[in-house]
Amino acid sequence: MLHHHDDKKRRSLTVAEKLAIIVIVVLIIVILLLVFNKQVMAYIESFKNWYGNA
């Protein structure tokens, strides 16, 4: 019975835990977007240079 109770307690997240998860997810998304944008800008710059030299 105690084991079952522990499982139930672990499954329900506190408000602080939910906020922490949301913050972490948002940070990951922002970092991915920044990295992706930098890559896109680099591709555009290299394409512009190649197109300009061609």
N, C-alpha and C. Protein backbone atom coordinates (compact mmCIF):
# COMPACT_ATOMS: atom_id res chain seq x y z
N MET A 1 0.84 -1.21 0.00
CA MET A 1 0.00 0.00 0.00
C MET A 1 0.87 1.26 0.00
N LEU A 2 1.92 1.23 0.81
CA LEU A 2 2.79 2.40 0.89
C LEU A 2 3.43 2.67 -0.49
N HIS A 3 3.86 1.59 -1.14
CA HIS A 3 4.50 1.74 -2.45
C HIS A 3 3.54 2.40 -3.44
N HIS A 4 2.28 1.95 -3.43
CA HIS A 4 1.27 2.53 -4.32
C HIS A 4 1.07 4.02 -4.02
N HIS A 5 1.04 4.35 -2.75
CA HIS A 5 0.85 5.75 -2.35
C HIS A 5 2.02 6.60 -2.85
N ASP A 6 3.24 6.07 -2.73
CA ASP A 6 4.41 6.81 -3.20
C ASP A 6 4.33 7.06 -4.71
N ASP A 7 3.90 6.05 -5.44
CA ASP A 7 3.77 6.21 -6.89
C ASP A 7 2.79 7.33 -7.22
N LYS A 8 1.68 7.33 -6.51
CA LYS A 8 0.64 8.34 -6.77
C LYS A 8 1.20 9.74 -6.47
N LYS A 9 1.93 9.86 -5.37
CA LYS A 9 2.48 11.16 -4.99
C LYS A 9 3.50 11.63 -6.05
N ARG A 10 4.28 10.71 -6.56
CA ARG A 10 5.31 11.07 -7.52
C ARG A 10 4.69 11.53 -8.84
N ARG A 11 3.52 10.95 -9.20
CA ARG A 11 2.91 11.26 -10.48
C ARG A 11 2.33 12.67 -10.50
N SER A 12 1.74 13.12 -9.40
CA SER A 12 1.14 14.46 -9.37
C SER A 12 2.22 15.50 -9.11
N LEU A 13 2.42 16.39 -10.06
CA LEU A 13 3.46 17.40 -9.94
C LEU A 13 2.96 18.60 -9.15
N THR A 14 3.89 19.20 -8.41
CA THR A 14 3.54 20.42 -7.69
C THR A 14 3.58 21.59 -8.68
N VAL A 15 3.06 22.73 -8.27
CA VAL A 15 3.06 23.92 -9.13
C VAL A 15 4.49 24.32 -9.48
N ALA A 16 5.38 24.26 -8.50
CA ALA A 16 6.78 24.64 -8.72
C ALA A 16 7.41 23.72 -9.77
N GLU A 17 7.12 22.42 -9.68
CA GLU A 17 7.68 21.47 -10.64
C GLU A 17 7.14 21.74 -12.04
N LYS A 18 5.84 22.03 -12.13
CA LYS A 18 5.26 22.34 -13.43
C LYS A 18 5.90 23.59 -14.03
N LEU A 19 6.09 24.62 -13.20
CA LEU A 19 6.72 25.86 -13.67
C LEU A 19 8.14 25.58 -14.14
N ALA A 20 8.86 24.76 -13.36
CA ALA A 20 10.25 24.43 -13.72
C ALA A 20 10.28 23.72 -15.07
N ILE A 21 9.36 22.79 -15.28
CA ILE A 21 9.32 22.05 -16.54
C ILE A 21 9.01 23.01 -17.70
N ILE A 22 8.05 23.90 -17.49
CA ILE A 22 7.68 24.87 -18.53
C ILE A 22 8.88 25.76 -18.88
N VAL A 23 9.57 26.25 -17.85
CA VAL A 23 10.74 27.12 -18.07
C VAL A 23 11.81 26.38 -18.87
N ILE A 24 12.08 25.12 -18.48
CA ILE A 24 13.11 24.33 -19.16
C ILE A 24 12.73 24.12 -20.63
N VAL A 25 11.47 23.77 -20.87
CA VAL A 25 11.02 23.53 -22.25
C VAL A 25 11.14 24.81 -23.08
N VAL A 26 10.73 25.94 -22.51
CA VAL A 26 10.82 27.22 -23.23
C VAL A 26 12.27 27.55 -23.55
N LEU A 27 13.16 27.34 -22.58
CA LEU A 27 14.58 27.62 -22.80
C LEU A 27 15.12 26.76 -23.94
N ILE A 28 14.77 25.48 -23.93
CA ILE A 28 15.25 24.57 -24.97
C ILE A 28 14.77 25.05 -26.34
N ILE A 29 13.49 25.43 -26.42
CA ILE A 29 12.92 25.89 -27.70
C ILE A 29 13.64 27.16 -28.17
N VAL A 30 13.86 28.10 -27.25
CA VAL A 30 14.52 29.36 -27.60
C VAL A 30 15.94 29.09 -28.10
N ILE A 31 16.67 28.21 -27.40
CA ILE A 31 18.05 27.89 -27.80
C ILE A 31 18.05 27.25 -29.18
N LEU A 32 17.13 26.30 -29.41
CA LEU A 32 17.06 25.64 -30.71
C LEU A 32 16.76 26.66 -31.81
N LEU A 33 15.83 27.58 -31.55
CA LEU A 33 15.48 28.59 -32.54
C LEU A 33 16.68 29.49 -32.84
N LEU A 34 17.41 29.89 -31.79
CA LEU A 34 18.58 30.75 -31.99
C LEU A 34 19.63 30.04 -32.83
N VAL A 35 19.89 28.78 -32.51
CA VAL A 35 20.89 28.01 -33.26
C VAL A 35 20.45 27.87 -34.71
N PHE A 36 19.16 27.53 -34.89
CA PHE A 36 18.63 27.34 -36.24
C PHE A 36 18.71 28.64 -37.04
N ASN A 37 18.35 29.76 -36.41
CA ASN A 37 18.39 31.06 -37.09
C ASN A 37 19.81 31.41 -37.50
N LYS A 38 20.78 31.13 -36.61
CA LYS A 38 22.18 31.42 -36.94
C LYS A 38 22.60 30.60 -38.15
N GLN A 39 22.19 29.32 -38.19
CA GLN A 39 22.55 28.46 -39.32
C GLN A 39 21.93 29.00 -40.60
N VAL A 40 20.66 29.40 -40.52
CA VAL A 40 19.96 29.92 -41.70
C VAL A 40 20.65 31.19 -42.19
N MET A 41 21.01 32.08 -41.27
CA MET A 41 21.69 33.32 -41.65
C MET A 41 23.03 33.00 -42.29
N ALA A 42 23.74 32.01 -41.77
CA ALA A 42 25.03 31.63 -42.33
C ALA A 42 24.84 31.10 -43.75
N TYR A 43 23.81 30.28 -43.96
CA TYR A 43 23.54 29.76 -45.30
C TYR A 43 23.21 30.90 -46.26
N ILE A 44 22.39 31.84 -45.79
CA ILE A 44 21.99 32.98 -46.64
C ILE A 44 23.23 33.81 -46.99
N GLU A 45 24.08 34.06 -46.01
CA GLU A 45 25.29 34.86 -46.25
C GLU A 45 26.19 34.16 -47.26
N SER A 46 26.40 32.84 -47.08
CA SER A 46 27.28 32.11 -47.99
C SER A 46 26.67 32.07 -49.39
N PHE A 47 25.34 31.95 -49.45
CA PHE A 47 24.67 31.95 -50.76
C PHE A 47 24.82 33.31 -51.43
N LYS A 48 24.66 34.38 -50.66
CA LYS A 48 24.81 35.74 -51.20
C LYS A 48 26.23 35.92 -51.74
N ASN A 49 27.22 35.49 -50.96
CA ASN A 49 28.62 35.62 -51.39
C ASN A 49 28.85 34.84 -52.68
N TRP A 50 28.33 33.58 -52.71
CA TRP A 50 28.51 32.74 -53.89
C TRP A 50 27.81 33.37 -55.10
N TYR A 51 26.58 33.84 -54.89
CA TYR A 51 25.78 34.44 -55.96
C TYR A 51 26.45 35.72 -56.46
N GLY A 52 27.00 36.50 -55.51
CA GLY A 52 27.65 37.75 -55.87
C GLY A 52 28.93 37.50 -56.66
N ASN A 53 29.67 36.45 -56.32
CA ASN A 53 30.92 36.15 -57.00
C ASN A 53 30.68 35.48 -58.34
N ALA A 54 29.56 34.78 -58.50
CA ALA A 54 29.29 34.02 -59.73
C ALA A 54 29.08 34.96 -60.92
